[in-house]
Amino acid sequence: MAKVCQVTGRKRMVGNNVSHSKKRTKRIFAINLKTKKFWSEEEQRFITLKVSCKGMKHIEKNGLDATVKAAQKKGYINIV
């Protein structure tokens, strides 16, 4: 599975390493993904998600069920 946050949809970014002589080589900026289990009060079960730390902040602020519904609407999650 690709390294994509299931809540925010964030992916890796591509940029440059810049040396002292200003020579540029490609590099990857990876996101901080964690596989985490969250308890859903609405469904009375655990939901396992691959989320970035920013996604965890979204869940903390808005609640799990509201965040999952918003992510499903945007097409980031396929939870049944």
PDB file of N, CA and C in Angstrom:
ATOM      1  N   MET A   1       0.837  -1.179   0.000  1.00  0.00           N
ATOM      2  CA  MET A   1       0.000   0.000   0.000  1.00  0.00           C
ATOM      3  C   MET A   1       0.883   1.243   0.000  1.00  0.00           C
ATOM      4  N   ALA A   2       0.460   2.271  -0.685  1.00  0.00           N
ATOM      5  CA  ALA A   2       1.252   3.486  -0.803  1.00  0.00           C
ATOM      6  C   ALA A   2       1.312   4.239   0.523  1.00  0.00           C
ATOM      7  N   LYS A   3       2.328   5.065   0.650  1.00  0.00           N
ATOM      8  CA  LYS A   3       2.485   5.868   1.863  1.00  0.00           C
ATOM      9  C   LYS A   3       1.643   7.124   1.741  1.00  0.00           C
ATOM     10  N   VAL A   4       0.348   6.973   2.033  1.00  0.00           N
ATOM     11  CA  VAL A   4      -0.609   8.068   1.951  1.00  0.00           C
ATOM     12  C   VAL A   4      -1.423   8.073   3.236  1.00  0.00           C
ATOM     13  N   CYS A   5      -1.622   9.255   3.810  1.00  0.00           N
ATOM     14  CA  CYS A   5      -2.443   9.389   5.005  1.00  0.00           C
ATOM     15  C   CYS A   5      -3.906   9.156   4.635  1.00  0.00           C
ATOM     16  N   GLN A   6      -4.602   8.303   5.386  1.00  0.00           N
ATOM     17  CA  GLN A   6      -5.992   7.978   5.098  1.00  0.00           C
ATOM     18  C   GLN A   6      -6.960   9.042   5.589  1.00  0.00           C
ATOM     19  N   VAL A   7      -6.484  10.007   6.349  1.00  0.00           N
ATOM     20  CA  VAL A   7      -7.351  11.077   6.855  1.00  0.00           C
ATOM     21  C   VAL A   7      -7.190  12.350   6.031  1.00  0.00           C
ATOM     22  N   THR A   8      -5.941  12.767   5.809  1.00  0.00           N
ATOM     23  CA  THR A   8      -5.703  14.023   5.115  1.00  0.00           C
ATOM     24  C   THR A   8      -5.363  13.846   3.643  1.00  0.00           C
ATOM     25  N   GLY A   9      -4.970  12.653   3.231  1.00  0.00           N
ATOM     26  CA  GLY A   9      -4.592  12.418   1.843  1.00  0.00           C
ATOM     27  C   GLY A   9      -3.191  12.905   1.500  1.00  0.00           C
ATOM     28  N   ARG A  10      -2.397  13.231   2.498  1.00  0.00           N
ATOM     29  CA  ARG A  10      -1.044  13.723   2.263  1.00  0.00           C
ATOM     30  C   ARG A  10      -0.157  12.603   1.730  1.00  0.00           C
ATOM     31  N   LYS A  11       0.729  12.953   0.777  1.00  0.00           N
ATOM     32  CA  LYS A  11       1.668  12.007   0.188  1.00  0.00           C
ATOM     33  C   LYS A  11       3.078  12.556   0.339  1.00  0.00           C
ATOM     34  N   ARG A  12       4.048  11.771  -0.137  1.00  0.00           N
ATOM     35  CA  ARG A  12       5.428  12.249  -0.114  1.00  0.00           C
ATOM     36  C   ARG A  12       5.584  13.392  -1.106  1.00  0.00           C
ATOM     37  N   MET A  13       6.577  14.234  -0.866  1.00  0.00           N
ATOM     38  CA  MET A  13       6.892  15.329  -1.782  1.00  0.00           C
ATOM     39  C   MET A  13       8.286  15.096  -2.350  1.00  0.00           C
ATOM     40  N   VAL A  14       8.528  15.617  -3.540  1.00  0.00           N
ATOM     41  CA  VAL A  14       9.827  15.492  -4.172  1.00  0.00           C
ATOM     42  C   VAL A  14      10.460  16.873  -4.222  1.00  0.00           C
ATOM     43  N   GLY A  15      11.734  16.924  -3.874  1.00  0.00           N
ATOM     44  CA  GLY A  15      12.456  18.194  -3.884  1.00  0.00           C
ATOM     45  C   GLY A  15      13.906  17.966  -4.236  1.00  0.00           C
ATOM     46  N   ASN A  16      14.743  18.893  -3.850  1.00  0.00           N
ATOM     47  CA  ASN A  16      16.165  18.833  -4.175  1.00  0.00           C
ATOM     48  C   ASN A  16      17.018  18.871  -2.918  1.00  0.00           C
ATOM     49  N   ASN A  17      18.117  18.097  -2.943  1.00  0.00           N
ATOM     50  CA  ASN A  17      19.217  18.317  -2.022  1.00  0.00           C
ATOM     51  C   ASN A  17      20.088  19.374  -2.673  1.00  0.00           C
ATOM     52  N   VAL A  18      20.476  20.393  -1.937  1.00  0.00           N
ATOM     53  CA  VAL A  18      21.316  21.442  -2.496  1.00  0.00           C
ATOM     54  C   VAL A  18      22.624  21.445  -1.727  1.00  0.00           C
ATOM     55  N   SER A  19      23.714  21.162  -2.451  1.00  0.00           N
ATOM     56  CA  SER A  19      25.029  21.125  -1.822  1.00  0.00           C
ATOM     57  C   SER A  19      25.589  22.545  -1.688  1.00  0.00           C
ATOM     58  N   HIS A  20      26.747  22.633  -1.063  1.00  0.00           N
ATOM     59  CA  HIS A  20      27.392  23.940  -0.883  1.00  0.00           C
ATOM     60  C   HIS A  20      27.715  24.592  -2.227  1.00  0.00           C
ATOM     61  N   SER A  21      28.020  23.772  -3.225  1.00  0.00           N
ATOM     62  CA  SER A  21      28.337  24.303  -4.565  1.00  0.00           C
ATOM     63  C   SER A  21      27.065  24.539  -5.384  1.00  0.00           C
ATOM     64  N   LYS A  22      25.916  24.417  -4.748  1.00  0.00           N
ATOM     65  CA  LYS A  22      24.598  24.634  -5.353  1.00  0.00           C
ATOM     66  C   LYS A  22      24.214  23.558  -6.376  1.00  0.00           C
ATOM     67  N   LYS A  23      24.886  22.404  -6.350  1.00  0.00           N
ATOM     68  CA  LYS A  23      24.508  21.288  -7.215  1.00  0.00           C
ATOM     69  C   LYS A  23      23.248  20.651  -6.632  1.00  0.00           C
ATOM     70  N   ARG A  24      22.253  20.425  -7.487  1.00  0.00           N
ATOM     71  CA  ARG A  24      20.972  19.913  -7.010  1.00  0.00           C
ATOM     72  C   ARG A  24      20.779  18.457  -7.426  1.00  0.00           C
ATOM     73  N   THR A  25      20.388  17.628  -6.453  1.00  0.00           N
ATOM     74  CA  THR A  25      20.032  16.236  -6.726  1.00  0.00           C
ATOM     75  C   THR A  25      18.662  15.978  -6.113  1.00  0.00           C
ATOM     76  N   LYS A  26      17.905  15.094  -6.731  1.00  0.00           N
ATOM     77  CA  LYS A  26      16.539  14.810  -6.273  1.00  0.00           C
ATOM     78  C   LYS A  26      16.541  14.081  -4.936  1.00  0.00           C
ATOM     79  N   ARG A  27      15.540  14.383  -4.138  1.00  0.00           N
ATOM     80  CA  ARG A  27      15.327  13.685  -2.872  1.00  0.00           C
ATOM     81  C   ARG A  27      13.846  13.620  -2.585  1.00  0.00           C
ATOM     82  N   ILE A  28      13.474  12.845  -1.569  1.00  0.00           N
ATOM     83  CA  ILE A  28      12.066  12.639  -1.217  1.00  0.00           C
ATOM     84  C   ILE A  28      11.839  13.137   0.203  1.00  0.00           C
ATOM     85  N   PHE A  29      10.766  13.896   0.391  1.00  0.00           N
ATOM     86  CA  PHE A  29      10.331  14.306   1.718  1.00  0.00           C
ATOM     87  C   PHE A  29       9.205  13.370   2.116  1.00  0.00           C
ATOM     88  N   ALA A  30       9.476  12.416   2.991  1.00  0.00           N
ATOM     89  CA  ALA A  30       8.479  11.436   3.412  1.00  0.00           C
ATOM     90  C   ALA A  30       7.603  12.036   4.513  1.00  0.00           C
ATOM     91  N   ILE A  31       6.343  11.586   4.577  1.00  0.00           N
ATOM     92  CA  ILE A  31       5.467  12.060   5.642  1.00  0.00           C
ATOM     93  C   ILE A  31       5.601  11.141   6.845  1.00  0.00           C
ATOM     94  N   ASN A  32       5.193  11.625   7.990  1.00  0.00           N
ATOM     95  CA  ASN A  32       5.330  10.905   9.246  1.00  0.00           C
ATOM     96  C   ASN A  32       4.097  10.034   9.454  1.00  0.00           C
ATOM     97  N   LEU A  33       4.091   8.832   8.848  1.00  0.00           N
ATOM     98  CA  LEU A  33       2.933   7.932   8.928  1.00  0.00           C
ATOM     99  C   LEU A  33       3.055   6.969  10.087  1.00  0.00           C
ATOM    100  N   LYS A  34       1.940   6.730  10.737  1.00  0.00           N
ATOM    101  CA  LYS A  34       1.837   5.752  11.817  1.00  0.00           C
ATOM    102  C   LYS A  34       0.616   4.873  11.547  1.00  0.00           C
ATOM    103  N   THR A  35       0.702   3.601  11.862  1.00  0.00           N
ATOM    104  CA  THR A  35      -0.456   2.721  11.819  1.00  0.00           C
ATOM    105  C   THR A  35      -1.024   2.706  13.228  1.00  0.00           C
ATOM    106  N   LYS A  36      -2.264   3.156  13.379  1.00  0.00           N
ATOM    107  CA  LYS A  36      -2.837   3.360  14.711  1.00  0.00           C
ATOM    108  C   LYS A  36      -4.262   2.842  14.757  1.00  0.00           C
ATOM    109  N   LYS A  37      -4.626   2.267  15.898  1.00  0.00           N
ATOM    110  CA  LYS A  37      -5.996   1.819  16.115  1.00  0.00           C
ATOM    111  C   LYS A  37      -6.746   2.866  16.925  1.00  0.00           C
ATOM    112  N   PHE A  38      -7.937   3.231  16.457  1.00  0.00           N
ATOM    113  CA  PHE A  38      -8.784   4.196  17.144  1.00  0.00           C
ATOM    114  C   PHE A  38     -10.093   3.510  17.517  1.00  0.00           C
ATOM    115  N   TRP A  39     -10.647   3.857  18.685  1.00  0.00           N
ATOM    116  CA  TRP A  39     -11.924   3.304  19.126  1.00  0.00           C
ATOM    117  C   TRP A  39     -13.057   4.167  18.592  1.00  0.00           C
ATOM    118  N   SER A  40     -13.992   3.538  17.890  1.00  0.00           N
ATOM    119  CA  SER A  40     -15.149   4.235  17.353  1.00  0.00           C
ATOM    120  C   SER A  40     -16.334   4.006  18.278  1.00  0.00           C
ATOM    121  N   GLU A  41     -16.817   5.079  18.900  1.00  0.00           N
ATOM    122  CA  GLU A  41     -17.978   4.976  19.796  1.00  0.00           C
ATOM    123  C   GLU A  41     -19.241   4.639  19.012  1.00  0.00           C
ATOM    124  N   GLU A  42     -19.348   5.179  17.808  1.00  0.00           N
ATOM    125  CA  GLU A  42     -20.537   4.970  16.994  1.00  0.00           C
ATOM    126  C   GLU A  42     -20.691   3.511  16.582  1.00  0.00           C
ATOM    127  N   GLU A  43     -19.578   2.847  16.199  1.00  0.00           N
ATOM    128  CA  GLU A  43     -19.622   1.462  15.731  1.00  0.00           C
ATOM    129  C   GLU A  43     -19.243   0.456  16.811  1.00  0.00           C
ATOM    130  N   GLN A  44     -18.755   0.928  17.953  1.00  0.00           N
ATOM    131  CA  GLN A  44     -18.338   0.079  19.071  1.00  0.00           C
ATOM    132  C   GLN A  44     -17.281  -0.945  18.637  1.00  0.00           C
ATOM    133  N   ARG A  45     -16.254  -0.461  17.907  1.00  0.00           N
ATOM    134  CA  ARG A  45     -15.150  -1.321  17.481  1.00  0.00           C
ATOM    135  C   ARG A  45     -13.920  -0.457  17.211  1.00  0.00           C
ATOM    136  N   PHE A  46     -12.766  -1.125  17.088  1.00  0.00           N
ATOM    137  CA  PHE A  46     -11.538  -0.439  16.739  1.00  0.00           C
ATOM    138  C   PHE A  46     -11.442  -0.291  15.230  1.00  0.00           C
ATOM    139  N   ILE A  47     -10.924   0.852  14.774  1.00  0.00           N
ATOM    140  CA  ILE A  47     -10.663   1.104  13.367  1.00  0.00           C
ATOM    141  C   ILE A  47      -9.170   1.363  13.234  1.00  0.00           C
ATOM    142  N   THR A  48      -8.506   0.596  12.369  1.00  0.00           N
ATOM    143  CA  THR A  48      -7.077   0.761  12.144  1.00  0.00           C
ATOM    144  C   THR A  48      -6.869   1.647  10.923  1.00  0.00           C
ATOM    145  N   LEU A  49      -6.084   2.711  11.108  1.00  0.00           N
ATOM    146  CA  LEU A  49      -5.821   3.669  10.039  1.00  0.00           C
ATOM    147  C   LEU A  49      -4.329   3.928   9.920  1.00  0.00           C
ATOM    148  N   LYS A  50      -3.866   4.222   8.683  1.00  0.00           N
ATOM    149  CA  LYS A  50      -2.514   4.739   8.470  1.00  0.00           C
ATOM    150  C   LYS A  50      -2.645   6.247   8.410  1.00  0.00           C
ATOM    151  N   VAL A  51      -2.231   6.919   9.479  1.00  0.00           N
ATOM    152  CA  VAL A  51      -2.425   8.364   9.575  1.00  0.00           C
ATOM    153  C   VAL A  51      -1.104   9.074   9.837  1.00  0.00           C
ATOM    154  N   SER A  52      -1.022  10.298   9.351  1.00  0.00           N
ATOM    155  CA  SER A  52       0.106  11.162   9.672  1.00  0.00           C
ATOM    156  C   SER A  52      -0.184  11.809  11.027  1.00  0.00           C
ATOM    157  N   CYS A  53       0.815  12.450  11.585  1.00  0.00           N
ATOM    158  CA  CYS A  53       0.625  13.121  12.872  1.00  0.00           C
ATOM    159  C   CYS A  53      -0.370  14.269  12.731  1.00  0.00           C
ATOM    160  N   LYS A  54      -0.397  14.918  11.572  1.00  0.00           N
ATOM    161  CA  LYS A  54      -1.377  15.970  11.315  1.00  0.00           C
ATOM    162  C   LYS A  54      -2.786  15.371  11.282  1.00  0.00           C
ATOM    163  N   GLY A  55      -2.908  14.152  10.740  1.00  0.00           N
ATOM    164  CA  GLY A  55      -4.198  13.462  10.719  1.00  0.00           C
ATOM    165  C   GLY A  55      -4.676  13.120  12.122  1.00  0.00           C
ATOM    166  N   MET A  56      -3.747  12.767  13.007  1.00  0.00           N
ATOM    167  CA  MET A  56      -4.111  12.483  14.398  1.00  0.00           C
ATOM    168  C   MET A  56      -4.652  13.736  15.076  1.00  0.00           C
ATOM    169  N   LYS A  57      -4.068  14.895  14.744  1.00  0.00           N
ATOM    170  CA  LYS A  57      -4.562  16.154  15.303  1.00  0.00           C
ATOM    171  C   LYS A  57      -5.973  16.446  14.816  1.00  0.00           C
ATOM    172  N   HIS A  58      -6.259  16.125  13.545  1.00  0.00           N
ATOM    173  CA  HIS A  58      -7.614  16.296  13.005  1.00  0.00           C
ATOM    174  C   HIS A  58      -8.604  15.419  13.778  1.00  0.00           C
ATOM    175  N   ILE A  59      -8.208  14.174  14.044  1.00  0.00           N
ATOM    176  CA  ILE A  59      -9.083  13.250  14.766  1.00  0.00           C
ATOM    177  C   ILE A  59      -9.314  13.736  16.186  1.00  0.00           C
ATOM    178  N   GLU A  60      -8.263  14.218  16.843  1.00  0.00           N
ATOM    179  CA  GLU A  60      -8.398  14.740  18.200  1.00  0.00           C
ATOM    180  C   GLU A  60      -9.350  15.929  18.255  1.00  0.00           C
ATOM    181  N   LYS A  61      -9.235  16.808  17.263  1.00  0.00           N
ATOM    182  CA  LYS A  61     -10.019  18.036  17.263  1.00  0.00           C
ATOM    183  C   LYS A  61     -11.483  17.794  16.892  1.00  0.00           C
ATOM    184  N   ASN A  62     -11.726  17.034  15.820  1.00  0.00           N
ATOM    185  CA  ASN A  62     -13.075  16.880  15.281  1.00  0.00           C
ATOM    186  C   ASN A  62     -13.784  15.603  15.703  1.00  0.00           C
ATOM    187  N   GLY A  63     -13.064  14.647  16.270  1.00  0.00           N
ATOM    188  CA  GLY A  63     -13.652  13.363  16.623  1.00  0.00           C
ATOM    189  C   GLY A  63     -13.439  12.363  15.502  1.00  0.00           C
ATOM    190  N   LEU A  64     -13.356  11.082  15.867  1.00  0.00           N
ATOM    191  CA  LEU A  64     -13.045  10.033  14.899  1.00  0.00           C
ATOM    192  C   LEU A  64     -14.140   9.868  13.861  1.00  0.00           C
ATOM    193  N   ASP A  65     -15.375   9.766  14.306  1.00  0.00           N
ATOM    194  CA  ASP A  65     -16.472   9.463  13.384  1.00  0.00           C
ATOM    195  C   ASP A  65     -16.673  10.574  12.352  1.00  0.00           C
ATOM    196  N   ALA A  66     -16.598  11.830  12.765  1.00  0.00           N
ATOM    197  CA  ALA A  66     -16.753  12.947  11.833  1.00  0.00           C
ATOM    198  C   ALA A  66     -15.585  13.000  10.854  1.00  0.00           C
ATOM    199  N   THR A  67     -14.380  12.720  11.336  1.00  0.00           N
ATOM    200  CA  THR A  67     -13.200  12.759  10.479  1.00  0.00           C
ATOM    201  C   THR A  67     -13.230  11.631   9.458  1.00  0.00           C
ATOM    202  N   VAL A  68     -13.649  10.436   9.876  1.00  0.00           N
ATOM    203  CA  VAL A  68     -13.724   9.297   8.959  1.00  0.00           C
ATOM    204  C   VAL A  68     -14.776   9.546   7.886  1.00  0.00           C
ATOM    205  N   LYS A  69     -15.913  10.114   8.264  1.00  0.00           N
ATOM    206  CA  LYS A  69     -16.957  10.408   7.277  1.00  0.00           C
ATOM    207  C   LYS A  69     -16.470  11.432   6.253  1.00  0.00           C
ATOM    208  N   ALA A  70     -15.735  12.454   6.709  1.00  0.00           N
ATOM    209  CA  ALA A  70     -15.203  13.463   5.798  1.00  0.00           C
ATOM    210  C   ALA A  70     -14.162  12.852   4.865  1.00  0.00           C
ATOM    211  N   ALA A  71     -13.318  11.948   5.385  1.00  0.00           N
ATOM    212  CA  ALA A  71     -12.289  11.305   4.559  1.00  0.00           C
ATOM    213  C   ALA A  71     -12.925  10.358   3.536  1.00  0.00           C
ATOM    214  N   GLN A  72     -14.018   9.683   3.925  1.00  0.00           N
ATOM    215  CA  GLN A  72     -14.723   8.808   2.985  1.00  0.00           C
ATOM    216  C   GLN A  72     -15.353   9.630   1.863  1.00  0.00           C
ATOM    217  N   LYS A  73     -15.881  10.797   2.197  1.00  0.00           N
ATOM    218  CA  LYS A  73     -16.515  11.667   1.208  1.00  0.00           C
ATOM    219  C   LYS A  73     -15.470  12.155   0.191  1.00  0.00           C
ATOM    220  N   LYS A  74     -14.237  12.413   0.657  1.00  0.00           N
ATOM    221  CA  LYS A  74     -13.172  12.867  -0.231  1.00  0.00           C
ATOM    222  C   LYS A  74     -12.520  11.719  -0.984  1.00  0.00           C
ATOM    223  N   GLY A  75     -12.776  10.462  -0.562  1.00  0.00           N
ATOM    224  CA  GLY A  75     -12.240   9.300  -1.259  1.00  0.00           C
ATOM    225  C   GLY A  75     -10.908   8.802  -0.739  1.00  0.00           C
ATOM    226  N   TYR A  76     -10.516   9.203   0.478  1.00  0.00           N
ATOM    227  CA  TYR A  76      -9.244   8.759   1.057  1.00  0.00           C
ATOM    228  C   TYR A  76      -9.370   7.406   1.743  1.00  0.00           C
ATOM    229  N   ILE A  77     -10.566   7.024   2.176  1.00  0.00           N
ATOM    230  CA  ILE A  77     -10.799   5.810   2.982  1.00  0.00           C
ATOM    231  C   ILE A  77     -11.888   4.967   2.345  1.00  0.00           C
ATOM    232  N   ASN A  78     -11.747   3.640   2.470  1.00  0.00           N
ATOM    233  CA  ASN A  78     -12.806   2.709   2.061  1.00  0.00           C
ATOM    234  C   ASN A  78     -13.118   1.785   3.232  1.00  0.00           C
ATOM    235  N   ILE A  79     -13.749   2.291   4.281  1.00  0.00           N
ATOM    236  CA  ILE A  79     -14.112   1.474   5.444  1.00  0.00           C
ATOM    237  C   ILE A  79     -15.585   1.103   5.334  1.00  0.00           C
ATOM    238  N   VAL A  80     -15.864  -0.175   5.564  1.00  0.00           N
ATOM    239  CA  VAL A  80     -17.252  -0.642   5.505  1.00  0.00           C
ATOM    240  C   VAL A  80     -17.816  -0.734   6.894  1.00  0.00           C
TER     241      VAL A  80
END
